[in-house]
Amino acid sequence: MLRRIPTCLLLAALVASGPVQAAQTSSGGRLTAPTGTAAGGRAAAPPPGRSAAPAAAKTSAVPVTPADMKSVLGTWAIPLETPTGRLVASLVFRVEAGKVVAGISAPQFKEHKITDITRAGQVLTLKASTEYSGPLTSFSGPVAMVLTLRPKGSDLAAWFDFNNAGYQLGGTATKKS
């Protein structure tokens, strides 16, 4: 049974280096993709006729190289409207030891390193996971995140999927540096 977990706390789970800090909301059930479209990175519903999760790219996903990632290296801000308020995540792409890595964080949470980064055409996919067993909720088990990034002009459309559609959230990443 999937539990409803606030996005900011799930994101926190991925940026915390220790145990995941997540909390169950008071209403049960499964949370679907957010609705509404607004500027500034608010969550948006999928286009009509499309599922909430991004469609698989037509080309096979391959690990990224530093040459692939030249245009996205640097820091990106991803404002997200969550059920518990606004959260601005920071996503950093850099090269370490000849490989591309990413780090995701928020002002109150330190960076969580992501090394599983693939590319299918222009679509980037980042995957991270951790275990949660803590005092804040009765939820216990793995928390997996898939972050899909698609070009959107000079920005990136960002789609977070937690626990295989257990919770989904979209926003727009803008490059800071």
Protein backbone atom coordinates (compact mmCIF):
# COMPACT_ATOMS: atom_id res chain seq x y z
CA MET A 1 0.00 0.00 0.00
CA LEU A 2 1.42 3.37 -1.00
CA ARG A 3 1.18 6.13 1.52
CA ARG A 4 0.77 9.81 0.84
CA ILE A 5 3.97 11.63 1.69
CA PRO A 6 4.50 15.42 1.31
CA THR A 7 6.89 16.16 -1.57
CA CYS A 8 9.14 18.47 0.39
CA LEU A 9 9.74 15.69 2.87
CA LEU A 10 10.38 13.14 0.13
CA LEU A 11 12.82 15.53 -1.49
CA ALA A 12 14.39 15.96 1.91
CA ALA A 13 14.74 12.20 2.07
CA LEU A 14 16.89 12.29 -1.02
CA VAL A 15 19.08 15.15 0.11
CA ALA A 16 19.63 13.91 3.64
CA SER A 17 22.79 11.86 3.98
CA GLY A 18 21.46 9.81 6.86
CA PRO A 19 18.05 8.19 7.25
CA VAL A 20 15.26 9.58 5.15
CA GLN A 21 13.07 12.11 6.92
CA ALA A 22 9.57 11.68 5.52
CA ALA A 23 6.15 12.01 7.06
CA GLN A 24 2.75 10.62 6.20
CA THR A 25 0.00 13.17 5.66
CA SER A 26 -3.24 12.92 7.57
CA SER A 27 -5.29 11.79 4.59
CA GLY A 28 -4.65 8.31 3.30
CA GLY A 29 -4.44 7.04 -0.21
CA ARG A 30 -2.30 7.79 -3.19
CA LEU A 31 -1.40 11.25 -4.39
CA THR A 32 -1.45 11.72 -8.13
CA ALA A 33 0.25 14.24 -10.34
CA PRO A 34 -0.27 17.86 -9.27
CA THR A 35 -2.70 20.07 -11.16
CA GLY A 36 -2.66 23.67 -12.29
CA THR A 37 -0.12 25.55 -14.36
CA ALA A 38 1.56 28.68 -13.12
CA ALA A 39 4.84 30.45 -13.76
CA GLY A 40 7.77 30.10 -11.42
CA GLY A 41 8.00 26.33 -11.28
CA ARG A 42 4.61 25.45 -9.89
CA ALA A 43 3.52 21.93 -10.50
CA ALA A 44 1.69 21.32 -13.74
CA ALA A 45 -0.69 18.61 -14.88
CA PRO A 46 0.42 16.53 -17.82
CA PRO A 47 -0.81 17.59 -21.26
CA PRO A 48 -4.19 16.16 -22.28
CA GLY A 49 -3.94 12.61 -23.57
CA ARG A 50 -0.65 11.90 -21.78
CA SER A 51 -0.06 9.97 -18.60
CA ALA A 52 1.29 11.72 -15.53
CA ALA A 53 4.71 10.09 -15.90
CA PRO A 54 6.89 11.26 -18.78
CA ALA A 55 6.75 8.97 -21.80
CA ALA A 56 9.80 6.83 -22.42
CA ALA A 57 12.18 8.28 -24.97
CA LYS A 58 12.31 6.59 -28.34
CA THR A 59 16.07 6.10 -28.10
CA SER A 60 17.87 3.89 -25.62
CA ALA A 61 19.18 5.54 -22.50
CA VAL A 62 22.96 5.66 -22.18
CA PRO A 63 25.21 6.98 -19.41
CA VAL A 64 26.12 10.65 -19.90
CA THR A 65 29.62 11.90 -20.63
CA PRO A 66 31.15 15.27 -19.70
CA ALA A 67 30.93 16.24 -23.41
CA ASP A 68 27.17 15.46 -23.39
CA MET A 69 26.63 17.65 -20.37
CA LYS A 70 28.58 20.82 -21.25
CA SER A 71 25.44 22.93 -21.59
CA VAL A 72 23.90 21.79 -18.29
CA LEU A 73 26.97 21.79 -16.03
CA GLY A 74 26.43 24.24 -13.17
CA THR A 75 23.71 25.02 -10.66
CA TRP A 76 19.97 24.92 -11.37
CA ALA A 77 17.13 26.15 -9.12
CA ILE A 78 13.89 24.15 -9.15
CA PRO A 79 11.00 25.94 -7.38
CA LEU A 80 8.33 23.44 -6.35
CA GLU A 81 4.87 24.03 -4.94
CA THR A 82 4.15 21.24 -2.49
CA PRO A 83 1.15 20.50 -0.28
CA THR A 84 3.17 21.86 2.65
CA GLY A 85 4.41 25.00 0.88
CA ARG A 86 7.05 26.24 -1.54
CA LEU A 87 10.41 24.46 -1.72
CA VAL A 88 13.32 25.55 -3.91
CA ALA A 89 15.59 22.63 -4.67
CA SER A 90 19.10 23.15 -5.96
CA LEU A 91 20.43 20.76 -8.60
CA VAL A 92 24.14 20.89 -9.43
CA PHE A 93 25.83 19.08 -12.30
CA ARG A 94 29.63 18.75 -12.16
CA VAL A 95 32.44 16.49 -13.34
CA GLU A 96 34.31 14.45 -10.71
CA ALA A 97 37.12 12.08 -11.69
CA GLY A 98 36.08 12.30 -15.34
CA LYS A 99 32.43 11.37 -14.66
CA VAL A 100 29.30 13.51 -14.46
CA VAL A 101 27.62 13.60 -11.06
CA ALA A 102 24.70 15.61 -9.75
CA GLY A 103 23.87 16.88 -6.31
CA ILE A 104 20.41 17.79 -5.11
CA SER A 105 19.76 19.86 -2.00
CA ALA A 106 17.46 22.42 -0.39
CA PRO A 107 18.30 25.28 1.98
CA GLN A 108 17.62 23.18 5.06
CA PHE A 109 19.11 19.92 3.70
CA LYS A 110 22.63 19.11 2.64
CA GLU A 111 23.44 17.75 -0.80
CA HIS A 112 22.70 14.17 -1.83
CA LYS A 113 25.01 12.92 -4.59
CA ILE A 114 23.48 11.25 -7.66
CA THR A 115 25.66 9.15 -9.95
CA ASP A 116 23.01 7.29 -11.99
CA ILE A 117 22.52 9.79 -14.83
CA THR A 118 21.48 8.69 -18.30
CA ARG A 119 20.49 10.37 -21.54
CA ALA A 120 18.02 9.35 -24.25
CA GLY A 121 18.10 11.96 -26.98
CA GLN A 122 17.78 15.29 -25.14
CA VAL A 123 16.06 13.80 -22.10
CA LEU A 124 18.14 13.34 -18.95
CA THR A 125 17.15 10.86 -16.26
CA LEU A 126 18.61 10.91 -12.75
CA LYS A 127 17.92 8.08 -10.30
CA ALA A 128 18.55 7.91 -6.58
CA SER A 129 17.27 5.82 -3.70
CA THR A 130 17.61 5.37 0.03
CA GLU A 131 15.98 3.47 2.89
CA TYR A 132 13.67 5.05 5.44
CA SER A 133 12.88 3.77 8.86
CA GLY A 134 12.41 6.60 11.29
CA PRO A 135 10.38 8.24 13.98
CA LEU A 136 8.36 10.67 11.84
CA THR A 137 5.96 8.22 10.19
CA SER A 138 4.84 4.64 10.14
CA PHE A 139 6.21 4.37 6.59
CA SER A 140 9.30 2.22 6.40
CA GLY A 141 11.15 1.01 3.36
CA PRO A 142 12.84 2.17 0.21
CA VAL A 143 12.31 5.63 -1.23
CA ALA A 144 13.27 5.84 -4.90
CA MET A 145 13.36 9.02 -6.97
CA VAL A 146 13.51 9.40 -10.72
CA LEU A 147 14.06 12.95 -11.93
CA THR A 148 13.41 13.50 -15.64
CA LEU A 149 14.71 16.67 -17.26
CA ARG A 150 13.57 17.83 -20.71
CA PRO A 151 14.68 20.95 -22.59
CA LYS A 152 12.21 23.82 -22.27
CA GLY A 153 13.81 26.76 -24.07
CA SER A 154 16.82 27.78 -21.96
CA ASP A 155 15.27 26.01 -18.95
CA LEU A 156 14.58 22.37 -18.12
CA ALA A 157 11.17 20.88 -17.43
CA ALA A 158 11.72 18.82 -14.26
CA TRP A 159 9.53 15.87 -13.32
CA PHE A 160 10.05 14.10 -9.98
CA ASP A 161 8.61 10.62 -9.54
CA PHE A 162 8.88 9.08 -6.09
CA ASN A 163 8.38 5.35 -5.50
CA ASN A 164 7.18 4.57 -9.02
CA ALA A 165 4.23 6.99 -9.13
CA GLY A 166 3.64 6.93 -5.39
CA TYR A 167 4.03 10.70 -5.58
CA GLN A 168 4.78 12.92 -8.57
CA LEU A 169 5.66 16.59 -8.89
CA GLY A 170 6.74 18.86 -11.74
CA GLY A 171 8.50 22.18 -11.99
CA THR A 172 10.87 24.22 -14.13
CA ALA A 173 14.62 24.26 -13.51
CA THR A 174 16.38 27.53 -14.29
CA LYS A 175 20.16 27.82 -14.50
CA LYS A 176 21.76 29.95 -11.78
CA SER A 177 25.41 29.51 -12.80
